[in-house]
Amino acid sequence: MDYIYQLQVVFNMTNMKRIQLFTILSSLLVLSSCDEITNPYPNVLDDGSTIIYDEGIDLDSLGLEQLVWEKHPGAPTTQRNLLIEEFTGIACTACPDGSRILVNLDTIYGDQVIPVSIHAGKFALPNPDTTKIYGIDLRTLPEGEIIKNAFNPDDAYPKGIVSRLTNLAEGKDKWRITIDNHKNDPQTAIIDLDVWYAPNEEYIRVILDYEYLFNSSDLYDLQVYIIEDHIIGWQLDNGVVKSDYDHKYVMRRAINGAWGATALPAVNGELYHKEYVIKKNGRWVKDNLKVAVYLANRQTREIIQAHQVKLK
């Protein structure tokens, strides 16, 4: 099991004034202790602490505040957002048609629909000789395979699942239908997301507050994806081999493992705060990165709310 430096704070907040108070208090505490995508950095484990650090980031909260940060603020969600996870691969000849639909959906719905391309399964396998065709490896292991096996066990491509509202992934012609059926669903949770970047250290700091708008005894999970656009590389596209294909929405890392970390209880109006500080992989292009966050019901797997912020 990987070990990380953790700030041992558990703090439930009911309003923004208490968040501000927490920030002041936490600053006084001292810490007690494109071809590679196989998760070279260890997963962030989550034991309920308020700030979770990648292994090797040896900072206390005061040191964190002293770094130079580029700030990429988001805004609290105002509607139900939908996350669509597309299962794809570089050797899948029909998959670019699905990817083009994702681009179209992104254009139509804007930030209400958050596309994620998960390269997994037999069509995502790279050629071991990276100088040869299909040498690029866009998989996120093992998380991408785990998610693919749960929702697309038959390796049928292109397939996608909208906020995990169906038991299994659907064909590309059904994605917009599912989105339209649920885009006006009432918002049941609010996510406020900011992403900061420390260029000197290449740290990504994910700062989020989330609030449920209902009461439930169900368990919910919190997940953070790192997504990268514009990765240029090999792709089989309707029988044509392309070496300069523009891969978009590629999941680079699932910070809390395949299914996320346990979120705090669903108490109506209770506001919770969480931060993650991770090291950027050296092959990722910062200006092409996004951070996507979601809350999901552990039993049904439905994603009840999602949000994203770009690092550009």
C-alpha atoms as a PDB file:
ATOM      1  CA  MET A   1       0.000   0.000   0.000  1.00  0.00           C
ATOM      2  CA  ASP A   2       1.287   3.492  -0.881  1.00  0.00           C
ATOM      3  CA  TYR A   3       1.793   5.946   1.962  1.00  0.00           C
ATOM      4  CA  ILE A   4       1.149   9.661   1.702  1.00  0.00           C
ATOM      5  CA  TYR A   5       1.618  12.666   3.850  1.00  0.00           C
ATOM      6  CA  GLN A   6      -1.705  13.613   5.319  1.00  0.00           C
ATOM      7  CA  LEU A   7      -3.008  16.642   7.151  1.00  0.00           C
ATOM      8  CA  GLN A   8      -5.019  15.124   9.974  1.00  0.00           C
ATOM      9  CA  VAL A   9      -8.011  17.404  10.048  1.00  0.00           C
ATOM     10  CA  VAL A  10     -11.653  16.438   9.874  1.00  0.00           C
ATOM     11  CA  PHE A  11     -13.831  19.492   9.767  1.00  0.00           C
ATOM     12  CA  ASN A  12     -17.510  19.724   8.845  1.00  0.00           C
ATOM     13  CA  MET A  13     -18.589  23.200   7.822  1.00  0.00           C
ATOM     14  CA  THR A  14     -22.069  24.591   7.706  1.00  0.00           C
ATOM     15  CA  ASN A  15     -21.389  27.970   6.137  1.00  0.00           C
ATOM     16  CA  MET A  16     -18.702  29.924   4.327  1.00  0.00           C
ATOM     17  CA  LYS A  17     -17.608  31.807   7.446  1.00  0.00           C
ATOM     18  CA  ARG A  18     -16.620  28.512   9.001  1.00  0.00           C
ATOM     19  CA  ILE A  19     -14.647  27.642   5.861  1.00  0.00           C
ATOM     20  CA  GLN A  20     -12.726  30.898   6.219  1.00  0.00           C
ATOM     21  CA  LEU A  21     -12.094  30.146   9.877  1.00  0.00           C
ATOM     22  CA  PHE A  22     -10.881  26.672   8.969  1.00  0.00           C
ATOM     23  CA  THR A  23      -8.414  28.112   6.434  1.00  0.00           C
ATOM     24  CA  ILE A  24      -6.904  30.340   9.106  1.00  0.00           C
ATOM     25  CA  LEU A  25      -6.668  27.525  11.620  1.00  0.00           C
ATOM     26  CA  SER A  26      -5.227  25.019   9.171  1.00  0.00           C
ATOM     27  CA  SER A  27      -2.425  27.413   8.261  1.00  0.00           C
ATOM     28  CA  LEU A  28      -1.187  27.128  11.831  1.00  0.00           C
ATOM     29  CA  LEU A  29      -1.019  23.358  11.828  1.00  0.00           C
ATOM     30  CA  VAL A  30       2.176  21.474  11.004  1.00  0.00           C
ATOM     31  CA  LEU A  31       2.233  18.230   9.067  1.00  0.00           C
ATOM     32  CA  SER A  32       3.303  15.256  11.198  1.00  0.00           C
ATOM     33  CA  SER A  33       4.889  13.343   8.926  1.00  0.00           C
ATOM     34  CA  CYS A  34       2.067  10.378 -23.544  1.00  0.00           C
ATOM     35  CA  ASP A  35       3.162   7.051 -23.613  1.00  0.00           C
ATOM     36  CA  GLU A  36       3.455   6.080 -20.103  1.00  0.00           C
ATOM     37  CA  ILE A  37       0.013   6.400 -18.680  1.00  0.00           C
ATOM     38  CA  THR A  38       0.153   3.582 -16.192  1.00  0.00           C
ATOM     39  CA  ASN A  39      -0.239   5.878 -13.195  1.00  0.00           C
ATOM     40  CA  PRO A  40       3.446   6.519 -12.428  1.00  0.00           C
ATOM     41  CA  TYR A  41       2.448   8.410  -9.309  1.00  0.00           C
ATOM     42  CA  PRO A  42       0.791   6.497  -6.480  1.00  0.00           C
ATOM     43  CA  ASN A  43      -2.904   6.784  -5.886  1.00  0.00           C
ATOM     44  CA  VAL A  44      -3.954   9.305  -3.289  1.00  0.00           C
ATOM     45  CA  LEU A  45      -5.414   7.405  -0.381  1.00  0.00           C
ATOM     46  CA  ASP A  46      -8.127   9.121   1.592  1.00  0.00           C
ATOM     47  CA  ASP A  47      -8.696   8.598   5.303  1.00  0.00           C
ATOM     48  CA  GLY A  48     -10.982  11.576   5.835  1.00  0.00           C
ATOM     49  CA  SER A  49      -8.303  14.261   6.104  1.00  0.00           C
ATOM     50  CA  THR A  50      -9.141  17.647   4.678  1.00  0.00           C
ATOM     51  CA  ILE A  51      -5.949  18.050   2.621  1.00  0.00           C
ATOM     52  CA  ILE A  52      -4.495  14.992   0.904  1.00  0.00           C
ATOM     53  CA  TYR A  53      -0.992  15.080  -0.588  1.00  0.00           C
ATOM     54  CA  ASP A  54       0.708  12.887  -3.146  1.00  0.00           C
ATOM     55  CA  GLU A  55       3.616  10.893  -1.836  1.00  0.00           C
ATOM     56  CA  GLY A  56       6.760  12.976  -2.027  1.00  0.00           C
ATOM     57  CA  ILE A  57       5.032  16.324  -1.486  1.00  0.00           C
ATOM     58  CA  ASP A  58       6.404  17.218   1.941  1.00  0.00           C
ATOM     59  CA  LEU A  59       4.460  20.322   2.906  1.00  0.00           C
ATOM     60  CA  ASP A  60       2.426  21.565   5.806  1.00  0.00           C
ATOM     61  CA  SER A  61      -0.495  23.873   5.164  1.00  0.00           C
ATOM     62  CA  LEU A  62       1.628  26.962   5.808  1.00  0.00           C
ATOM     63  CA  GLY A  63       4.200  25.847   3.255  1.00  0.00           C
ATOM     64  CA  LEU A  64       1.428  25.204   0.783  1.00  0.00           C
ATOM     65  CA  GLU A  65       0.231  28.784   1.047  1.00  0.00           C
ATOM     66  CA  GLN A  66       3.743  30.135   0.478  1.00  0.00           C
ATOM     67  CA  LEU A  67       4.057  28.624  -2.990  1.00  0.00           C
ATOM     68  CA  VAL A  68       3.404  30.704  -6.095  1.00  0.00           C
ATOM     69  CA  TRP A  69       0.076  29.588  -7.586  1.00  0.00           C
ATOM     70  CA  GLU A  70      -1.717  30.186 -10.845  1.00  0.00           C
ATOM     71  CA  LYS A  71      -5.372  30.281  -9.849  1.00  0.00           C
ATOM     72  CA  HIS A  72      -8.115  28.871 -12.049  1.00  0.00           C
ATOM     73  CA  PRO A  73     -11.375  29.601 -10.236  1.00  0.00           C
ATOM     74  CA  GLY A  74     -14.622  27.885 -11.031  1.00  0.00           C
ATOM     75  CA  ALA A  75     -18.116  28.756  -9.862  1.00  0.00           C
ATOM     76  CA  PRO A  76     -20.643  26.738  -7.883  1.00  0.00           C
ATOM     77  CA  THR A  77     -22.856  24.507  -9.992  1.00  0.00           C
ATOM     78  CA  THR A  78     -26.338  25.885 -10.677  1.00  0.00           C
ATOM     79  CA  GLN A  79     -27.873  22.886 -12.464  1.00  0.00           C
ATOM     80  CA  ARG A  80     -27.439  19.174 -12.706  1.00  0.00           C
ATOM     81  CA  ASN A  81     -24.291  18.436 -14.688  1.00  0.00           C
ATOM     82  CA  LEU A  82     -23.778  15.115 -16.455  1.00  0.00           C
ATOM     83  CA  LEU A  83     -20.542  13.166 -16.850  1.00  0.00           C
ATOM     84  CA  ILE A  84     -20.248  10.952 -19.927  1.00  0.00           C
ATOM     85  CA  GLU A  85     -17.560   8.265 -19.862  1.00  0.00           C
ATOM     86  CA  GLU A  86     -16.667   6.998 -23.341  1.00  0.00           C
ATOM     87  CA  PHE A  87     -14.803   3.706 -23.737  1.00  0.00           C
ATOM     88  CA  THR A  88     -12.383   3.863 -26.619  1.00  0.00           C
ATOM     89  CA  GLY A  89      -9.036   2.698 -27.984  1.00  0.00           C
ATOM     90  CA  ILE A  90      -6.390   3.613 -30.544  1.00  0.00           C
ATOM     91  CA  ALA A  91      -6.953   0.428 -32.576  1.00  0.00           C
ATOM     92  CA  CYS A  92     -10.749   0.794 -32.667  1.00  0.00           C
ATOM     93  CA  THR A  93     -11.649   1.863 -36.180  1.00  0.00           C
ATOM     94  CA  ALA A  94     -15.174   3.043 -35.259  1.00  0.00           C
ATOM     95  CA  CYS A  95     -14.193   4.887 -32.081  1.00  0.00           C
ATOM     96  CA  PRO A  96     -13.381   8.248 -33.711  1.00  0.00           C
ATOM     97  CA  ASP A  97     -17.062   8.448 -34.713  1.00  0.00           C
ATOM     98  CA  GLY A  98     -17.940   8.263 -31.026  1.00  0.00           C
ATOM     99  CA  SER A  99     -15.294  10.837 -30.179  1.00  0.00           C
ATOM    100  CA  ARG A 100     -16.701  13.227 -32.758  1.00  0.00           C
ATOM    101  CA  ILE A 101     -20.097  12.894 -31.096  1.00  0.00           C
ATOM    102  CA  LEU A 102     -18.466  13.782 -27.768  1.00  0.00           C
ATOM    103  CA  VAL A 103     -17.053  16.935 -29.317  1.00  0.00           C
ATOM    104  CA  ASN A 104     -20.502  17.792 -30.666  1.00  0.00           C
ATOM    105  CA  LEU A 105     -22.132  17.215 -27.275  1.00  0.00           C
ATOM    106  CA  ASP A 106     -19.457  19.372 -25.646  1.00  0.00           C
ATOM    107  CA  THR A 107     -20.288  22.140 -28.107  1.00  0.00           C
ATOM    108  CA  ILE A 108     -24.057  21.845 -27.610  1.00  0.00           C
ATOM    109  CA  TYR A 109     -24.241  21.559 -23.829  1.00  0.00           C
ATOM    110  CA  GLY A 110     -21.081  23.335 -22.671  1.00  0.00           C
ATOM    111  CA  ASP A 111     -20.083  22.708 -19.078  1.00  0.00           C
ATOM    112  CA  GLN A 112     -23.322  20.881 -18.303  1.00  0.00           C
ATOM    113  CA  VAL A 113     -21.904  17.795 -20.019  1.00  0.00           C
ATOM    114  CA  ILE A 114     -18.401  16.660 -19.074  1.00  0.00           C
ATOM    115  CA  PRO A 115     -16.866  14.161 -21.527  1.00  0.00           C
ATOM    116  CA  VAL A 116     -14.220  11.671 -20.401  1.00  0.00           C
ATOM    117  CA  SER A 117     -12.530   9.263 -22.815  1.00  0.00           C
ATOM    118  CA  ILE A 118     -11.338   6.111 -21.069  1.00  0.00           C
ATOM    119  CA  HIS A 119      -8.843   4.157 -23.157  1.00  0.00           C
ATOM    120  CA  ALA A 120      -9.248   0.577 -21.983  1.00  0.00           C
ATOM    121  CA  GLY A 121      -9.713  -2.975 -23.186  1.00  0.00           C
ATOM    122  CA  LYS A 122      -8.294  -4.838 -26.145  1.00  0.00           C
ATOM    123  CA  PHE A 123      -8.461  -1.898 -28.555  1.00  0.00           C
ATOM    124  CA  ALA A 124      -6.393   0.321 -26.263  1.00  0.00           C
ATOM    125  CA  LEU A 125      -3.390  -2.018 -26.080  1.00  0.00           C
ATOM    126  CA  PRO A 126      -0.238  -0.299 -27.386  1.00  0.00           C
ATOM    127  CA  ASN A 127       2.386  -1.910 -29.540  1.00  0.00           C
ATOM    128  CA  PRO A 128       5.267  -2.852 -27.203  1.00  0.00           C
ATOM    129  CA  ASP A 129       7.654  -1.293 -29.699  1.00  0.00           C
ATOM    130  CA  THR A 130       6.890   2.394 -29.207  1.00  0.00           C
ATOM    131  CA  THR A 131       8.631   3.270 -32.488  1.00  0.00           C
ATOM    132  CA  LYS A 132       6.002   1.288 -34.362  1.00  0.00           C
ATOM    133  CA  ILE A 133       2.396   1.997 -35.188  1.00  0.00           C
ATOM    134  CA  TYR A 134       0.040   2.246 -32.218  1.00  0.00           C
ATOM    135  CA  GLY A 135       2.952   2.724 -29.851  1.00  0.00           C
ATOM    136  CA  ILE A 136       1.046   5.371 -27.890  1.00  0.00           C
ATOM    137  CA  ASP A 137      -0.407   4.237 -24.557  1.00  0.00           C
ATOM    138  CA  LEU A 138      -3.356   6.297 -23.330  1.00  0.00           C
ATOM    139  CA  ARG A 139      -4.567   3.877 -20.678  1.00  0.00           C
ATOM    140  CA  THR A 140      -4.902   4.731 -16.991  1.00  0.00           C
ATOM    141  CA  LEU A 141      -4.119   1.506 -15.180  1.00  0.00           C
ATOM    142  CA  PRO A 142      -5.740  -0.161 -13.392  1.00  0.00           C
ATOM    143  CA  GLU A 143      -8.634   2.278 -12.936  1.00  0.00           C
ATOM    144  CA  GLY A 144      -9.628   2.540 -16.580  1.00  0.00           C
ATOM    145  CA  GLU A 145      -9.819  -1.224 -16.939  1.00  0.00           C
ATOM    146  CA  ILE A 146     -11.866  -1.573 -13.746  1.00  0.00           C
ATOM    147  CA  ILE A 147     -14.405   1.016 -14.879  1.00  0.00           C
ATOM    148  CA  LYS A 148     -14.556  -0.432 -18.402  1.00  0.00           C
ATOM    149  CA  ASN A 149     -15.100  -3.963 -17.106  1.00  0.00           C
ATOM    150  CA  ALA A 150     -17.972  -2.760 -14.914  1.00  0.00           C
ATOM    151  CA  PHE A 151     -19.875  -0.867 -17.602  1.00  0.00           C
ATOM    152  CA  ASN A 152     -18.615  -2.304 -20.899  1.00  0.00           C
ATOM    153  CA  PRO A 153     -17.665  -5.917 -20.123  1.00  0.00           C
ATOM    154  CA  ASP A 154     -18.153  -7.085 -23.715  1.00  0.00           C
ATOM    155  CA  ASP A 155     -15.537  -4.685 -25.142  1.00  0.00           C
ATOM    156  CA  ALA A 156     -18.098  -3.217 -27.544  1.00  0.00           C
ATOM    157  CA  TYR A 157     -16.902   0.083 -29.011  1.00  0.00           C
ATOM    158  CA  PRO A 158     -17.651   2.884 -29.136  1.00  0.00           C
ATOM    159  CA  LYS A 159     -19.795   2.779 -26.013  1.00  0.00           C
ATOM    160  CA  GLY A 160     -20.443   5.375 -23.335  1.00  0.00           C
ATOM    161  CA  ILE A 161     -22.371   5.830 -20.118  1.00  0.00           C
ATOM    162  CA  VAL A 162     -24.029   9.080 -19.029  1.00  0.00           C
ATOM    163  CA  SER A 163     -23.639   9.697 -15.288  1.00  0.00           C
ATOM    164  CA  ARG A 164     -23.980   5.924 -14.847  1.00  0.00           C
ATOM    165  CA  LEU A 165     -27.736   6.239 -15.196  1.00  0.00           C
ATOM    166  CA  THR A 166     -27.921   2.921 -17.056  1.00  0.00           C
ATOM    167  CA  ASN A 167     -26.595  -0.429 -15.929  1.00  0.00           C
ATOM    168  CA  LEU A 168     -24.261  -0.711 -18.913  1.00  0.00           C
ATOM    169  CA  ALA A 169     -22.722   1.635 -21.454  1.00  0.00           C
ATOM    170  CA  GLU A 170     -24.838   2.569 -24.462  1.00  0.00           C
ATOM    171  CA  GLY A 171     -24.106   2.977 -28.152  1.00  0.00           C
ATOM    172  CA  LYS A 172     -23.176   6.435 -29.382  1.00  0.00           C
ATOM    173  CA  ASP A 173     -26.630   7.128 -30.868  1.00  0.00           C
ATOM    174  CA  LYS A 174     -28.207   6.981 -27.414  1.00  0.00           C
ATOM    175  CA  TRP A 175     -25.914   9.387 -25.574  1.00  0.00           C
ATOM    176  CA  ARG A 176     -27.783  12.555 -26.500  1.00  0.00           C
ATOM    177  CA  ILE A 177     -31.155  10.931 -25.772  1.00  0.00           C
ATOM    178  CA  THR A 178     -30.044  10.081 -22.240  1.00  0.00           C
ATOM    179  CA  ILE A 179     -28.621  13.571 -21.762  1.00  0.00           C
ATOM    180  CA  ASP A 180     -31.850  15.221 -22.929  1.00  0.00           C
ATOM    181  CA  ASN A 181     -33.884  12.981 -20.638  1.00  0.00           C
ATOM    182  CA  HIS A 182     -31.922  14.126 -17.583  1.00  0.00           C
ATOM    183  CA  LYS A 183     -30.486  17.570 -18.294  1.00  0.00           C
ATOM    184  CA  ASN A 184     -33.434  19.245 -16.559  1.00  0.00           C
ATOM    185  CA  ASP A 185     -33.381  17.022 -13.491  1.00  0.00           C
ATOM    186  CA  PRO A 186     -33.256  19.105 -10.301  1.00  0.00           C
ATOM    187  CA  GLN A 187     -29.853  19.748  -8.822  1.00  0.00           C
ATOM    188  CA  THR A 188     -29.367  17.547  -5.752  1.00  0.00           C
ATOM    189  CA  ALA A 189     -25.851  18.666  -4.842  1.00  0.00           C
ATOM    190  CA  ILE A 190     -23.718  21.752  -5.363  1.00  0.00           C
ATOM    191  CA  ILE A 191     -20.005  21.500  -6.155  1.00  0.00           C
ATOM    192  CA  ASP A 192     -17.757  24.566  -6.010  1.00  0.00           C
ATOM    193  CA  LEU A 193     -14.404  23.778  -7.627  1.00  0.00           C
ATOM    194  CA  ASP A 194     -11.176  25.773  -7.946  1.00  0.00           C
ATOM    195  CA  VAL A 195      -7.921  24.452  -9.395  1.00  0.00           C
ATOM    196  CA  TRP A 196      -4.539  26.011  -8.648  1.00  0.00           C
ATOM    197  CA  TYR A 197      -1.228  25.243 -10.320  1.00  0.00           C
ATOM    198  CA  ALA A 198       2.270  25.831  -8.929  1.00  0.00           C
ATOM    199  CA  PRO A 199       4.486  26.131 -12.035  1.00  0.00           C
ATOM    200  CA  ASN A 200       7.806  25.891 -10.221  1.00  0.00           C
ATOM    201  CA  GLU A 201       6.924  22.647  -8.454  1.00  0.00           C
ATOM    202  CA  GLU A 202       4.352  21.458 -11.027  1.00  0.00           C
ATOM    203  CA  TYR A 203       1.787  20.813  -8.320  1.00  0.00           C
ATOM    204  CA  ILE A 204      -1.927  20.698  -9.069  1.00  0.00           C
ATOM    205  CA  ARG A 205      -4.121  21.762  -6.140  1.00  0.00           C
ATOM    206  CA  VAL A 206      -7.772  20.771  -6.307  1.00  0.00           C
ATOM    207  CA  ILE A 207      -9.924  22.834  -3.929  1.00  0.00           C
ATOM    208  CA  LEU A 208     -13.563  21.926  -3.623  1.00  0.00           C
ATOM    209  CA  ASP A 209     -16.597  22.485  -1.459  1.00  0.00           C
ATOM    210  CA  TYR A 210     -19.670  20.327  -1.850  1.00  0.00           C
ATOM    211  CA  GLU A 211     -23.148  20.531  -0.394  1.00  0.00           C
ATOM    212  CA  TYR A 212     -26.040  18.094  -0.560  1.00  0.00           C
ATOM    213  CA  LEU A 213     -29.546  19.403  -1.105  1.00  0.00           C
ATOM    214  CA  PHE A 214     -31.211  16.361   0.434  1.00  0.00           C
ATOM    215  CA  ASN A 215     -30.902  13.961   3.338  1.00  0.00           C
ATOM    216  CA  SER A 216     -29.969  10.320   2.813  1.00  0.00           C
ATOM    217  CA  SER A 217     -28.480   7.438   4.747  1.00  0.00           C
ATOM    218  CA  ASP A 218     -26.876   6.120   1.530  1.00  0.00           C
ATOM    219  CA  LEU A 219     -23.115   6.253   1.121  1.00  0.00           C
ATOM    220  CA  TYR A 220     -21.655   8.598  -1.487  1.00  0.00           C
ATOM    221  CA  ASP A 221     -18.223   8.664  -3.081  1.00  0.00           C
ATOM    222  CA  LEU A 222     -16.123  11.620  -4.205  1.00  0.00           C
ATOM    223  CA  GLN A 223     -13.875  11.272  -7.243  1.00  0.00           C
ATOM    224  CA  VAL A 224     -11.398  13.515  -9.040  1.00  0.00           C
ATOM    225  CA  TYR A 225     -10.289  12.868 -12.631  1.00  0.00           C
ATOM    226  CA  ILE A 226      -7.383  14.512 -14.417  1.00  0.00           C
ATOM    227  CA  ILE A 227      -8.294  14.893 -18.107  1.00  0.00           C
ATOM    228  CA  GLU A 228      -6.075  15.970 -20.995  1.00  0.00           C
ATOM    229  CA  ASP A 229      -7.037  17.296 -24.427  1.00  0.00           C
ATOM    230  CA  HIS A 230      -5.055  17.446 -27.661  1.00  0.00           C
ATOM    231  CA  ILE A 231      -2.772  14.455 -27.311  1.00  0.00           C
ATOM    232  CA  ILE A 232      -1.454  13.910 -30.828  1.00  0.00           C
ATOM    233  CA  GLY A 233      -0.783  10.303 -31.772  1.00  0.00           C
ATOM    234  CA  TRP A 234      -1.867   7.146 -33.569  1.00  0.00           C
ATOM    235  CA  GLN A 235      -5.489   6.197 -34.210  1.00  0.00           C
ATOM    236  CA  LEU A 236      -7.296   3.879 -36.578  1.00  0.00           C
ATOM    237  CA  ASP A 237     -10.117   5.979 -38.022  1.00  0.00           C
ATOM    238  CA  ASN A 238     -12.644   4.175 -40.249  1.00  0.00           C
ATOM    239  CA  GLY A 239      -9.963   2.068 -41.863  1.00  0.00           C
ATOM    240  CA  VAL A 240      -7.419   4.875 -42.164  1.00  0.00           C
ATOM    241  CA  VAL A 241      -4.325   4.803 -39.956  1.00  0.00           C
ATOM    242  CA  LYS A 242      -3.581   8.304 -38.690  1.00  0.00           C
ATOM    243  CA  SER A 243      -0.382   9.270 -36.892  1.00  0.00           C
ATOM    244  CA  ASP A 244      -1.529  12.815 -36.096  1.00  0.00           C
ATOM    245  CA  TYR A 245      -4.950  12.147 -34.591  1.00  0.00           C
ATOM    246  CA  ASP A 246      -6.088  14.663 -31.938  1.00  0.00           C
ATOM    247  CA  HIS A 247      -7.143  12.682 -28.863  1.00  0.00           C
ATOM    248  CA  LYS A 248      -9.483  14.679 -26.613  1.00  0.00           C
ATOM    249  CA  TYR A 249     -10.935  14.227 -23.107  1.00  0.00           C
ATOM    250  CA  VAL A 250      -8.396  11.521 -22.214  1.00  0.00           C
ATOM    251  CA  MET A 251      -8.563  10.361 -18.601  1.00  0.00           C
ATOM    252  CA  ARG A 252      -5.011  10.633 -17.308  1.00  0.00           C
ATOM    253  CA  ARG A 253      -5.567   9.834 -13.666  1.00  0.00           C
ATOM    254  CA  ALA A 254      -8.331   8.834 -11.279  1.00  0.00           C
ATOM    255  CA  ILE A 255      -7.067  10.349  -8.045  1.00  0.00           C
ATOM    256  CA  ASN A 256      -9.215   8.334  -5.641  1.00  0.00           C
ATOM    257  CA  GLY A 257      -8.912   4.972  -7.375  1.00  0.00           C
ATOM    258  CA  ALA A 258     -11.542   3.493  -9.661  1.00  0.00           C
ATOM    259  CA  TRP A 259     -14.612   4.252  -7.537  1.00  0.00           C
ATOM    260  CA  GLY A 260     -13.636   7.306  -5.507  1.00  0.00           C
ATOM    261  CA  ALA A 261     -13.199   7.896  -1.795  1.00  0.00           C
ATOM    262  CA  THR A 262     -15.981   7.979   0.767  1.00  0.00           C
ATOM    263  CA  ALA A 263     -17.659  11.376   0.792  1.00  0.00           C
ATOM    264  CA  LEU A 264     -19.077  12.904   3.936  1.00  0.00           C
ATOM    265  CA  PRO A 265     -22.712  12.108   4.810  1.00  0.00           C
ATOM    266  CA  ALA A 266     -25.622  13.418   2.768  1.00  0.00           C
ATOM    267  CA  VAL A 267     -27.036  15.998   5.162  1.00  0.00           C
ATOM    268  CA  ASN A 268     -29.168  18.691   3.579  1.00  0.00           C
ATOM    269  CA  GLY A 269     -27.403  22.059   3.692  1.00  0.00           C
ATOM    270  CA  GLU A 270     -24.164  20.762   5.210  1.00  0.00           C
ATOM    271  CA  LEU A 271     -21.137  22.214   3.401  1.00  0.00           C
ATOM    272  CA  TYR A 272     -17.953  20.140   3.189  1.00  0.00           C
ATOM    273  CA  HIS A 273     -14.434  21.091   2.158  1.00  0.00           C
ATOM    274  CA  LYS A 274     -11.763  18.928   0.510  1.00  0.00           C
ATOM    275  CA  GLU A 275      -8.377  19.488  -1.126  1.00  0.00           C
ATOM    276  CA  TYR A 276      -5.949  17.336  -3.088  1.00  0.00           C
ATOM    277  CA  VAL A 277      -2.390  18.297  -3.955  1.00  0.00           C
ATOM    278  CA  ILE A 278      -0.810  16.124  -6.630  1.00  0.00           C
ATOM    279  CA  LYS A 279       2.303  16.210  -8.772  1.00  0.00           C
ATOM    280  CA  LYS A 280       1.740  16.805 -12.483  1.00  0.00           C
ATOM    281  CA  ASN A 281       3.101  14.056 -14.682  1.00  0.00           C
ATOM    282  CA  GLY A 282       5.953  15.458 -16.732  1.00  0.00           C
ATOM    283  CA  ARG A 283       4.366  14.350 -20.017  1.00  0.00           C
ATOM    284  CA  TRP A 284       1.087  16.141 -19.432  1.00  0.00           C
ATOM    285  CA  VAL A 285       0.667  19.552 -21.069  1.00  0.00           C
ATOM    286  CA  LYS A 286      -0.641  21.847 -18.354  1.00  0.00           C
ATOM    287  CA  ASP A 287      -2.661  24.116 -20.645  1.00  0.00           C
ATOM    288  CA  ASN A 288      -4.519  21.082 -22.013  1.00  0.00           C
ATOM    289  CA  LEU A 289      -5.534  19.729 -18.607  1.00  0.00           C
ATOM    290  CA  LYS A 290      -8.913  19.757 -16.879  1.00  0.00           C
ATOM    291  CA  VAL A 291      -9.947  18.601 -13.438  1.00  0.00           C
ATOM    292  CA  ALA A 292     -13.327  16.887 -13.211  1.00  0.00           C
ATOM    293  CA  VAL A 293     -15.021  16.074  -9.905  1.00  0.00           C
ATOM    294  CA  TYR A 294     -18.105  14.003  -9.229  1.00  0.00           C
ATOM    295  CA  LEU A 295     -20.289  12.681  -6.410  1.00  0.00           C
ATOM    296  CA  ALA A 296     -21.777   9.215  -6.891  1.00  0.00           C
ATOM    297  CA  ASN A 297     -24.169   6.996  -4.973  1.00  0.00           C
ATOM    298  CA  ARG A 298     -22.155   3.957  -3.932  1.00  0.00           C
ATOM    299  CA  GLN A 299     -25.031   1.490  -4.204  1.00  0.00           C
ATOM    300  CA  THR A 300     -26.614   2.605  -7.474  1.00  0.00           C
ATOM    301  CA  ARG A 301     -23.361   4.077  -8.905  1.00  0.00           C
ATOM    302  CA  GLU A 302     -25.366   7.018 -10.255  1.00  0.00           C
ATOM    303  CA  ILE A 303     -23.307  10.196 -10.500  1.00  0.00           C
ATOM    304  CA  ILE A 304     -25.554  12.792  -8.888  1.00  0.00           C
ATOM    305  CA  GLN A 305     -23.384  15.828  -9.643  1.00  0.00           C
ATOM    306  CA  ALA A 306     -20.213  16.671 -11.569  1.00  0.00           C
ATOM    307  CA  HIS A 307     -18.081  19.719 -12.256  1.00  0.00           C
ATOM    308  CA  GLN A 308     -14.942  20.613 -14.199  1.00  0.00           C
ATOM    309  CA  VAL A 309     -12.353  23.388 -14.378  1.00  0.00           C
ATOM    310  CA  LYS A 310      -9.689  23.907 -17.036  1.00  0.00           C
ATOM    311  CA  LEU A 311      -6.088  24.747 -16.186  1.00  0.00           C
ATOM    312  CA  LYS A 312      -5.796  27.330 -18.933  1.00  0.00           C
END
